[in-house]
């Protein structure tokens, strides 16, 4: 049964990781509704590696160019103004807030902030934030316009996703849209910015799987990670194509409805806190 649950959770992770609807919220809510219990922060962090590997595969050339140009720019001053070299620094600087806060607040994040009341509330609040930012944000900035200020601001926005229900991509996209970046650009940047954070968190949490302090052991966790990788690639391709012609409005509505539903179910006792 653990493996069937792991496959289901891997599918859920892949379907929700790249959409601004919070994969961690879904991995907290739906297992609880099905009576499986909380899979835990470690399980969630590790299987997210699968979806980020899908990002690496899908954006391989872009990622390769950023790494190569950034490294070469360390020894070649002429390359330091190149978009790819600057992007490398922006990703590094933008990753510092989530890494620092994640380490300092590890216990709070893994326990107190996994409250379903917190998850439901954050789904609603950040859904509204995303909707407002998307509606008011201009479509005038692209990759070449990214600045140090914007990179830092989007980095702090991403750090808010340490709270389940916020959504890593949703928080970054909300900040990016508020700063005037067009949808496809800020979504691609959100994917790139997430790579160090997700890989770092996944590797950091592997010890929790190894010592048994988790609902699932290594076998189910690996299966869920593989499933999330395979399906995640298709979701990335669909989302980037979708955003070239549509807004985030359907995701905003979905977040608010899901969040309110969770809060109502908690209120009537269908869902319990832990």
Protein backbone atom coordinates (compact mmCIF):
# COMPACT_ATOMS: atom_id res chain seq x y z
CA UNK A 1 0.00 0.00 0.00
CA UNK A 2 2.91 2.36 0.70
CA UNK A 3 4.03 2.09 -2.93
CA UNK A 4 0.55 2.82 -4.32
CA UNK A 5 0.30 5.83 -2.06
CA UNK A 6 3.78 6.92 -3.14
CA UNK A 7 2.81 6.73 -6.82
CA UNK A 8 -0.32 8.80 -6.14
CA UNK A 9 1.70 11.39 -4.23
CA UNK A 10 4.32 11.48 -6.97
CA UNK A 11 1.60 12.25 -9.50
CA UNK A 12 0.16 14.92 -7.21
CA UNK A 13 3.60 16.48 -6.77
CA UNK A 14 4.21 16.62 -10.53
CA UNK A 15 0.81 18.14 -11.26
CA UNK A 16 1.15 20.88 -8.64
CA UNK A 17 4.85 21.77 -8.33
CA UNK A 18 5.07 24.16 -11.27
CA UNK A 19 1.58 25.60 -11.03
CA UNK A 20 1.23 28.50 -8.56
CA UNK A 21 -1.03 26.43 -6.30
CA UNK A 22 1.48 24.98 -3.78
CA UNK A 23 2.54 21.36 -4.12
CA UNK A 24 3.38 21.21 -0.40
CA UNK A 25 -0.19 22.22 0.44
CA UNK A 26 -1.59 19.45 -1.76
CA UNK A 27 0.78 16.89 -0.24
CA UNK A 28 -0.44 17.98 3.18
CA UNK A 29 -4.19 18.15 2.41
CA UNK A 30 -5.02 15.18 0.22
CA UNK A 31 -3.21 12.44 2.19
CA UNK A 32 -5.08 13.72 5.24
CA UNK A 33 -8.42 13.56 3.40
CA UNK A 34 -7.67 10.00 2.30
CA UNK A 35 -6.68 8.92 5.80
CA UNK A 36 -3.03 8.33 4.91
CA UNK A 37 -1.64 10.82 7.40
CA UNK A 38 0.92 13.56 6.86
CA UNK A 39 3.74 12.21 4.62
CA UNK A 40 6.08 14.66 6.32
CA UNK A 41 8.30 17.56 5.31
CA UNK A 42 11.24 15.27 4.50
CA UNK A 43 9.23 13.16 2.04
CA UNK A 44 7.88 16.31 0.40
CA UNK A 45 11.34 17.86 0.07
CA UNK A 46 12.96 14.74 -1.39
CA UNK A 47 10.33 13.97 -4.04
CA UNK A 48 10.51 17.58 -5.21
CA UNK A 49 13.96 16.67 -6.52
CA UNK A 50 12.17 14.63 -9.19
CA UNK A 51 10.26 17.61 -10.52
CA UNK A 52 13.37 19.79 -10.44
CA UNK A 53 15.25 17.18 -12.47
CA UNK A 54 12.47 17.62 -15.01
CA UNK A 55 13.28 21.36 -15.05
CA UNK A 56 16.95 20.56 -15.64
CA UNK A 57 16.05 18.32 -18.56
CA UNK A 58 13.55 20.75 -20.08
CA UNK A 59 15.76 23.84 -19.67
CA UNK A 60 19.09 22.10 -20.10
CA UNK A 61 20.56 24.43 -22.72
CA UNK A 62 19.55 27.53 -20.79
CA UNK A 63 20.97 26.14 -17.55
CA UNK A 64 24.19 25.01 -19.28
CA UNK A 65 24.72 28.45 -20.82
CA UNK A 66 24.18 30.17 -17.45
CA UNK A 67 26.65 27.88 -15.64
CA UNK A 68 29.33 28.04 -18.33
CA UNK A 69 29.08 31.81 -18.88
CA UNK A 70 28.96 32.55 -15.15
CA UNK A 71 32.08 30.43 -14.49
CA UNK A 72 33.97 31.96 -17.43
CA UNK A 73 33.01 35.47 -16.28
CA UNK A 74 34.96 34.89 -13.07
CA UNK A 75 38.13 35.04 -15.18
CA UNK A 76 36.95 37.19 -18.09
CA UNK A 77 35.75 40.69 -17.21
CA UNK A 78 34.17 41.18 -20.63
CA UNK A 79 31.63 38.44 -19.92
CA UNK A 80 30.45 39.89 -16.61
CA UNK A 81 27.79 42.01 -18.27
CA UNK A 82 26.46 39.07 -20.29
CA UNK A 83 22.85 38.13 -19.48
CA UNK A 84 23.76 34.53 -18.61
CA UNK A 85 26.59 35.57 -16.27
CA UNK A 86 24.35 38.06 -14.51
CA UNK A 87 21.59 35.44 -14.30
CA UNK A 88 24.00 33.10 -12.51
CA UNK A 89 24.65 35.73 -9.84
CA UNK A 90 20.95 36.59 -9.57
CA UNK A 91 20.08 32.94 -8.92
CA UNK A 92 22.82 32.65 -6.29
CA UNK A 93 21.80 35.85 -4.49
CA UNK A 94 18.09 35.07 -4.82
CA UNK A 95 18.63 31.65 -3.21
CA UNK A 96 20.26 33.00 -0.04
CA UNK A 97 17.04 34.06 1.78
CA UNK A 98 15.27 30.68 1.49
CA UNK A 99 18.45 28.80 2.44
CA UNK A 100 19.17 30.92 5.50
CA UNK A 101 15.59 31.03 6.77
CA UNK A 102 15.10 27.32 6.03
CA UNK A 103 18.06 26.32 8.21
CA UNK A 104 17.28 28.70 11.07
CA UNK A 105 13.57 27.88 11.21
CA UNK A 106 13.75 24.17 10.32
CA UNK A 107 11.79 22.89 13.34
CA UNK A 108 9.05 25.52 13.02
CA UNK A 109 8.67 24.83 9.29
CA UNK A 110 8.48 21.06 9.74
CA UNK A 111 5.97 21.15 12.60
CA UNK A 112 4.08 24.34 13.48
CA UNK A 113 3.72 25.67 9.93
CA UNK A 114 2.31 22.37 8.64
CA UNK A 115 -0.94 23.14 10.44
CA UNK A 116 -3.90 22.71 8.09
CA UNK A 117 -5.25 26.03 9.35
CA UNK A 118 -2.04 27.68 8.16
CA UNK A 119 -2.17 25.82 4.83
CA UNK A 120 -5.79 26.76 4.13
CA UNK A 121 -5.26 30.38 5.08
CA UNK A 122 -2.12 30.73 2.95
CA UNK A 123 -3.86 29.22 -0.07
CA UNK A 124 -6.51 31.93 0.12
CA UNK A 125 -4.25 34.87 1.03
CA UNK A 126 -1.55 34.15 -1.54
CA UNK A 127 -4.18 33.35 -4.14
CA UNK A 128 -5.54 36.86 -3.74
CA UNK A 129 -2.00 38.30 -3.82
CA UNK A 130 -1.26 36.43 -7.07
CA UNK A 131 -4.52 37.63 -8.61
CA UNK A 132 -3.89 41.28 -7.75
CA UNK A 133 -0.25 41.18 -8.86
CA UNK A 134 -1.14 39.50 -12.15
CA UNK A 135 -3.93 41.95 -12.91
CA UNK A 136 -1.99 45.10 -12.01
CA UNK A 137 1.45 44.00 -13.21
CA UNK A 138 2.77 45.37 -16.48
CA UNK A 139 4.20 43.19 -19.25
CA UNK A 140 7.25 45.32 -19.98
CA UNK A 141 10.22 43.47 -18.42
CA UNK A 142 12.06 40.39 -19.72
CA UNK A 143 15.21 38.47 -18.77
CA UNK A 144 17.56 41.26 -19.86
CA UNK A 145 15.79 43.66 -17.51
CA UNK A 146 16.43 41.63 -14.35
CA UNK A 147 18.29 43.70 -11.75
CA UNK A 148 19.98 43.04 -8.41
CA UNK A 149 17.06 44.65 -6.59
CA UNK A 150 14.50 42.52 -8.38
CA UNK A 151 16.54 39.34 -7.85
CA UNK A 152 16.73 39.99 -4.10
CA UNK A 153 13.02 40.83 -3.85
CA UNK A 154 12.02 37.67 -5.72
CA UNK A 155 14.43 35.71 -3.54
CA UNK A 156 12.67 36.90 -0.38
CA UNK A 157 9.31 36.18 -2.01
CA UNK A 158 10.44 32.62 -2.73
CA UNK A 159 11.47 32.24 0.92
CA UNK A 160 7.82 32.75 1.92
CA UNK A 161 7.13 29.37 0.31
CA UNK A 162 8.71 27.70 3.34
CA UNK A 163 5.15 28.05 4.66
CA UNK A 164 3.03 25.27 3.10
CA UNK A 165 0.24 26.80 1.06
CA UNK A 166 2.23 29.78 -0.20
CA UNK A 167 3.75 28.11 -3.32
CA UNK A 168 7.35 28.67 -4.34
CA UNK A 169 6.45 29.50 -7.94
CA UNK A 170 3.35 31.44 -6.86
CA UNK A 171 5.28 33.71 -4.49
CA UNK A 172 8.09 34.36 -6.99
CA UNK A 173 5.64 34.96 -9.82
CA UNK A 174 3.55 37.32 -7.69
CA UNK A 175 6.60 39.44 -6.91
CA UNK A 176 7.80 39.30 -10.49
CA UNK A 177 4.44 40.36 -11.90
CA UNK A 178 4.26 43.20 -9.35
CA UNK A 179 7.69 44.33 -10.58
CA UNK A 180 6.45 44.37 -14.17
CA UNK A 181 7.84 41.13 -15.66
CA UNK A 182 5.81 39.41 -18.35
CA UNK A 183 4.30 36.04 -17.45
CA UNK A 184 6.48 33.61 -19.39
CA UNK A 185 9.68 35.39 -18.29
CA UNK A 186 8.89 35.42 -14.58
CA UNK A 187 7.68 31.80 -14.70
CA UNK A 188 10.92 30.66 -16.33
CA UNK A 189 12.92 32.62 -13.76
CA UNK A 190 10.87 31.06 -10.96
CA UNK A 191 11.83 27.61 -12.30
CA UNK A 192 15.53 28.53 -12.38
CA UNK A 193 15.49 30.19 -8.96
CA UNK A 194 13.87 27.13 -7.41
CA UNK A 195 16.65 24.74 -8.49
CA UNK A 196 19.24 25.48 -5.74
CA UNK A 197 16.54 25.71 -3.07
CA UNK A 198 14.82 22.43 -3.96
CA UNK A 199 17.98 20.41 -4.50
CA UNK A 200 19.47 21.83 -1.31
CA UNK A 201 16.36 21.10 0.76
CA UNK A 202 16.01 17.62 -0.70
CA UNK A 203 19.61 16.68 0.07
CA UNK A 204 19.33 18.27 3.53
CA UNK A 205 16.22 16.23 4.37
CA UNK A 206 17.52 12.88 3.08
CA UNK A 207 18.87 12.17 6.54
CA UNK A 208 15.32 12.19 7.91
CA UNK A 209 14.33 9.46 5.44
CA UNK A 210 17.42 7.43 6.29
CA UNK A 211 16.86 7.51 10.06
CA UNK A 212 13.22 6.48 9.73
CA UNK A 213 11.75 9.73 11.08
CA UNK A 214 9.25 9.81 8.23
CA UNK A 215 6.00 8.12 7.22
CA UNK A 216 7.58 6.54 4.12
CA UNK A 217 10.93 4.77 3.77
CA UNK A 218 13.43 4.97 0.94
CA UNK A 219 11.58 2.62 -1.43
CA UNK A 220 8.29 4.55 -1.68
CA UNK A 221 10.16 7.86 -1.62
CA UNK A 222 12.29 6.89 -4.63
CA UNK A 223 9.23 5.65 -6.52
CA UNK A 224 7.39 8.93 -5.87
CA UNK A 225 10.45 10.90 -6.98
CA UNK A 226 10.67 9.01 -10.28
CA UNK A 227 6.96 9.47 -10.97
CA UNK A 228 7.19 13.20 -10.26
CA UNK A 229 10.13 13.51 -12.67
CA UNK A 230 8.44 11.75 -15.59
CA UNK A 231 5.13 13.58 -15.31
CA UNK A 232 6.69 16.89 -14.29
CA UNK A 233 8.34 17.35 -17.69
CA UNK A 234 4.97 17.34 -19.43
CA UNK A 235 3.53 19.83 -16.94
CA UNK A 236 6.37 22.32 -17.56
CA UNK A 237 5.84 22.20 -21.32
CA UNK A 238 2.10 22.69 -20.94
CA UNK A 239 2.36 25.57 -18.45
CA UNK A 240 4.83 27.66 -20.45
CA UNK A 241 2.69 27.24 -23.57
CA UNK A 242 -0.47 28.08 -21.63
CA UNK A 243 0.97 31.28 -20.14
CA UNK A 244 1.89 32.66 -23.54
CA UNK A 245 -1.83 33.30 -24.13
CA UNK A 246 -3.56 33.18 -20.71
CA UNK A 247 -3.49 34.73 -17.24
CA UNK A 248 -3.12 33.12 -13.81
CA UNK A 249 -6.81 33.67 -13.00
CA UNK A 250 -7.85 29.96 -13.05
CA UNK A 251 -5.11 29.18 -10.53
CA UNK A 252 -6.19 32.09 -8.32
CA UNK A 253 -9.78 30.82 -8.24
CA UNK A 254 -8.63 27.26 -7.56
CA UNK A 255 -6.41 28.36 -4.66
CA UNK A 256 -9.14 30.38 -2.98
CA UNK A 257 -11.76 27.63 -3.38
CA UNK A 258 -9.40 24.92 -2.09
CA UNK A 259 -8.25 27.04 0.85
CA UNK A 260 -11.78 27.92 1.91
CA UNK A 261 -12.82 24.27 1.54
CA UNK A 262 -9.99 23.15 3.82
CA UNK A 263 -10.97 25.73 6.46
CA UNK A 264 -14.63 24.68 6.28
CA UNK A 265 -13.74 20.98 6.56
CA UNK A 266 -11.62 21.78 9.60
CA UNK A 267 -14.49 23.74 11.10
CA UNK A 268 -17.01 20.90 10.73
CA UNK A 269 -14.56 18.22 11.84
CA UNK A 270 -14.15 16.33 8.55
CA UNK A 271 -10.45 17.25 8.68
CA UNK A 272 -8.58 17.27 11.96
CA UNK A 273 -5.52 19.32 12.75
CA UNK A 274 -3.06 16.43 13.13
